[in-house]
């Protein structure tokens, strides 16, 4: 668990900022754990984070996005859990906006 999160000193003094920082950290942990549970604990938090970081796209100027990552079992599972796919050959800007909206509704 400790290796899943990068930590550095945080210098905040005001109570409201301390509470806000704690809330953000807590919500991040909650999202990680929920995602692990949705994936039936088949993958560790570290594996999920590494895969999400590696899912890159090339921006085709004025047209859309092309995935540059390699599809595998974990990317397929993430697509299923999230309810959208990004592994198509080409994703138009309109389709990417739709995916962004869907991800914010969950």
Foldseek 3Di string as FASTA:
>chain_A
DVVLDDDDDDDDDDPVVVVVVVVVVVVVVVVLVVLCVLLVVPDHSNVLVVVVVQFDWDQDPPFFTATPDDDDPSLVSVCVSLVHHDHDGTAGPVNVVVSVVSNVVD
